[in-house]
């Protein structure tokens, strides 16, 4: 228990990594939210923006409205999850009085994103895509870096000058 109180951010970062590992280890069929949506709401192609694109060789188009919405929810979850992981890793690095804690925490989150996609590629019913590391995961990590930078700049400005 002493470790948890002394290194609470490290504990939270490891917990987040565990949550991501379990989520990545769950087959897609058990995570598919399209049936839930279909039972709750009706989504028509006309309800969605007319933007279609290819992501990792798969066409994403509003002509398949439930898949389209699920795609954005999943990628949004990647951004949010890795933004949170980066935040926790940066705070954990600071617990060890690392002068480069922001860089180190971001690198740990990025390396975990690589591991996570590799892990997914080994799970039956899942696929690992490097584009997920380099687009949504990295966006989440960079957003966290920007927030740390902004808040460190505002803290620096507020400090009285001698």
Protein backbone atom coordinates (compact mmCIF):
# COMPACT_ATOMS: atom_id res chain seq x y z
CA UNK A 1 0.00 0.00 0.00
CA UNK A 2 2.95 2.31 0.63
CA UNK A 3 3.89 2.09 -3.07
CA UNK A 4 0.40 3.27 -4.05
CA UNK A 5 0.50 6.30 -1.79
CA UNK A 6 4.11 7.22 -2.61
CA UNK A 7 3.82 6.51 -6.34
CA UNK A 8 0.11 7.07 -6.97
CA UNK A 9 0.60 8.33 -10.55
CA UNK A 10 2.75 5.31 -11.38
CA UNK A 11 0.00 3.10 -9.98
CA UNK A 12 -2.65 4.90 -12.07
CA UNK A 13 -0.48 4.66 -15.21
CA UNK A 14 -0.04 0.92 -14.68
CA UNK A 15 -3.79 0.56 -14.09
CA UNK A 16 -4.52 2.40 -17.35
CA UNK A 17 -2.09 0.13 -19.18
CA UNK A 18 -3.89 -2.87 -17.67
CA UNK A 19 -7.27 -1.53 -18.81
CA UNK A 20 -5.93 -0.98 -22.33
CA UNK A 21 -4.40 -4.47 -22.36
CA UNK A 22 -7.69 -6.09 -21.32
CA UNK A 23 -9.60 -4.02 -23.88
CA UNK A 24 -7.15 -5.00 -26.63
CA UNK A 25 -7.39 -8.62 -25.60
CA UNK A 26 -11.19 -8.63 -26.00
CA UNK A 27 -12.30 -9.89 -29.43
CA UNK A 28 -13.96 -7.29 -31.65
CA UNK A 29 -17.25 -9.21 -31.68
CA UNK A 30 -17.62 -8.59 -27.93
CA UNK A 31 -16.89 -4.88 -28.37
CA UNK A 32 -19.09 -4.28 -31.41
CA UNK A 33 -21.46 -1.42 -30.50
CA UNK A 34 -23.41 -1.40 -33.76
CA UNK A 35 -26.15 -3.74 -32.45
CA UNK A 36 -26.56 -1.51 -29.40
CA UNK A 37 -26.94 1.57 -31.62
CA UNK A 38 -29.39 -0.17 -33.91
CA UNK A 39 -31.54 -1.05 -30.91
CA UNK A 40 -31.47 2.49 -29.50
CA UNK A 41 -31.42 4.94 -32.41
CA UNK A 42 -31.98 5.11 -36.13
CA UNK A 43 -29.10 6.55 -38.10
CA UNK A 44 -29.59 7.30 -41.77
CA UNK A 45 -26.96 8.23 -44.33
CA UNK A 46 -28.58 11.67 -44.67
CA UNK A 47 -27.97 12.32 -40.96
CA UNK A 48 -24.21 12.14 -41.42
CA UNK A 49 -21.71 14.43 -43.14
CA UNK A 50 -21.05 13.37 -46.75
CA UNK A 51 -17.40 12.59 -46.09
CA UNK A 52 -15.96 9.27 -47.22
CA UNK A 53 -12.34 8.16 -46.99
CA UNK A 54 -10.11 5.12 -46.82
CA UNK A 55 -8.50 4.23 -43.50
CA UNK A 56 -5.92 1.46 -43.53
CA UNK A 57 -7.37 0.02 -46.72
CA UNK A 58 -10.99 0.06 -45.52
CA UNK A 59 -13.56 2.45 -46.98
CA UNK A 60 -15.31 4.57 -44.33
CA UNK A 61 -18.49 6.04 -45.75
CA UNK A 62 -21.82 7.34 -44.44
CA UNK A 63 -23.58 4.85 -46.74
CA UNK A 64 -22.93 2.36 -43.89
CA UNK A 65 -24.12 4.69 -41.12
CA UNK A 66 -23.64 2.45 -38.07
CA UNK A 67 -20.12 1.46 -39.11
CA UNK A 68 -19.37 5.12 -39.85
CA UNK A 69 -20.43 6.28 -36.38
CA UNK A 70 -18.68 3.36 -34.69
CA UNK A 71 -15.45 4.21 -36.54
CA UNK A 72 -15.42 7.73 -35.08
CA UNK A 73 -16.31 6.48 -31.60
CA UNK A 74 -13.47 3.95 -31.70
CA UNK A 75 -10.91 6.46 -32.96
CA UNK A 76 -12.13 9.01 -30.41
CA UNK A 77 -11.61 6.37 -27.72
CA UNK A 78 -8.03 5.90 -28.99
CA UNK A 79 -7.38 9.66 -28.72
CA UNK A 80 -8.89 9.92 -25.23
CA UNK A 81 -7.25 6.74 -23.90
CA UNK A 82 -3.76 7.65 -25.03
CA UNK A 83 -4.15 11.27 -23.95
CA UNK A 84 -5.00 9.97 -20.48
CA UNK A 85 -2.17 7.43 -20.56
CA UNK A 86 0.32 10.14 -21.58
CA UNK A 87 -0.92 12.37 -18.75
CA UNK A 88 -0.53 9.55 -16.21
CA UNK A 89 2.92 8.57 -17.54
CA UNK A 90 4.12 12.18 -17.38
CA UNK A 91 2.86 12.54 -13.81
CA UNK A 92 4.48 9.17 -12.94
CA UNK A 93 7.79 10.31 -14.45
CA UNK A 94 7.62 13.43 -12.29
CA UNK A 95 7.27 11.21 -9.21
CA UNK A 96 10.77 10.00 -9.98
CA UNK A 97 12.00 13.64 -10.25
CA UNK A 98 12.86 13.21 -13.90
CA UNK A 99 13.89 16.53 -15.45
CA UNK A 100 12.66 15.25 -18.81
CA UNK A 101 9.39 13.88 -17.37
CA UNK A 102 7.17 15.30 -20.11
CA UNK A 103 9.25 13.79 -22.91
CA UNK A 104 9.75 10.51 -21.03
CA UNK A 105 6.04 10.15 -20.19
CA UNK A 106 5.05 10.84 -23.80
CA UNK A 107 7.59 8.28 -25.04
CA UNK A 108 6.31 5.65 -22.62
CA UNK A 109 2.75 6.26 -23.85
CA UNK A 110 3.88 6.07 -27.49
CA UNK A 111 5.82 2.85 -26.90
CA UNK A 112 2.81 1.39 -25.12
CA UNK A 113 0.66 2.32 -28.16
CA UNK A 114 3.07 0.33 -30.35
CA UNK A 115 2.93 -2.61 -27.94
CA UNK A 116 -0.87 -2.37 -27.79
CA UNK A 117 -1.25 -2.65 -31.57
CA UNK A 118 1.23 -5.53 -31.67
CA UNK A 119 -0.73 -7.25 -28.89
CA UNK A 120 -4.00 -6.74 -30.80
CA UNK A 121 -2.47 -8.33 -33.88
CA UNK A 122 -1.94 -11.50 -31.81
CA UNK A 123 -5.52 -11.68 -30.48
CA UNK A 124 -8.02 -13.79 -32.39
CA UNK A 125 -10.72 -11.61 -33.90
CA UNK A 126 -8.59 -8.45 -33.60
CA UNK A 127 -6.21 -6.70 -35.92
CA UNK A 128 -3.30 -4.40 -35.17
CA UNK A 129 -2.86 -1.33 -37.33
CA UNK A 130 0.17 0.94 -37.14
CA UNK A 131 -1.97 3.77 -38.48
CA UNK A 132 -3.84 3.69 -35.14
CA UNK A 133 -0.54 4.39 -33.37
CA UNK A 134 0.48 7.16 -35.75
CA UNK A 135 -2.89 8.93 -36.02
CA UNK A 136 -5.37 8.71 -33.10
CA UNK A 137 -2.94 7.50 -30.41
CA UNK A 138 -0.33 10.09 -31.33
CA UNK A 139 -2.98 12.82 -31.52
CA UNK A 140 -3.98 11.99 -27.93
CA UNK A 141 -0.36 12.04 -26.78
CA UNK A 142 0.37 15.32 -28.58
CA UNK A 143 -2.76 16.94 -27.13
CA UNK A 144 -1.52 16.03 -23.66
CA UNK A 145 1.93 17.42 -24.46
CA UNK A 146 0.33 20.67 -25.64
CA UNK A 147 -1.72 20.93 -22.46
CA UNK A 148 1.38 20.38 -20.30
CA UNK A 149 3.24 22.96 -22.34
CA UNK A 150 0.40 25.52 -22.10
CA UNK A 151 -0.02 25.01 -18.37
CA UNK A 152 3.72 25.14 -17.74
CA UNK A 153 3.89 28.42 -19.71
CA UNK A 154 1.01 29.95 -17.75
CA UNK A 155 2.57 28.82 -14.46
CA UNK A 156 5.86 30.39 -15.58
CA UNK A 157 4.14 33.68 -16.45
CA UNK A 158 2.33 33.79 -13.07
CA UNK A 159 5.54 33.35 -11.06
CA UNK A 160 6.81 36.70 -9.73
CA UNK A 161 10.04 37.89 -11.28
CA UNK A 162 12.88 38.94 -9.01
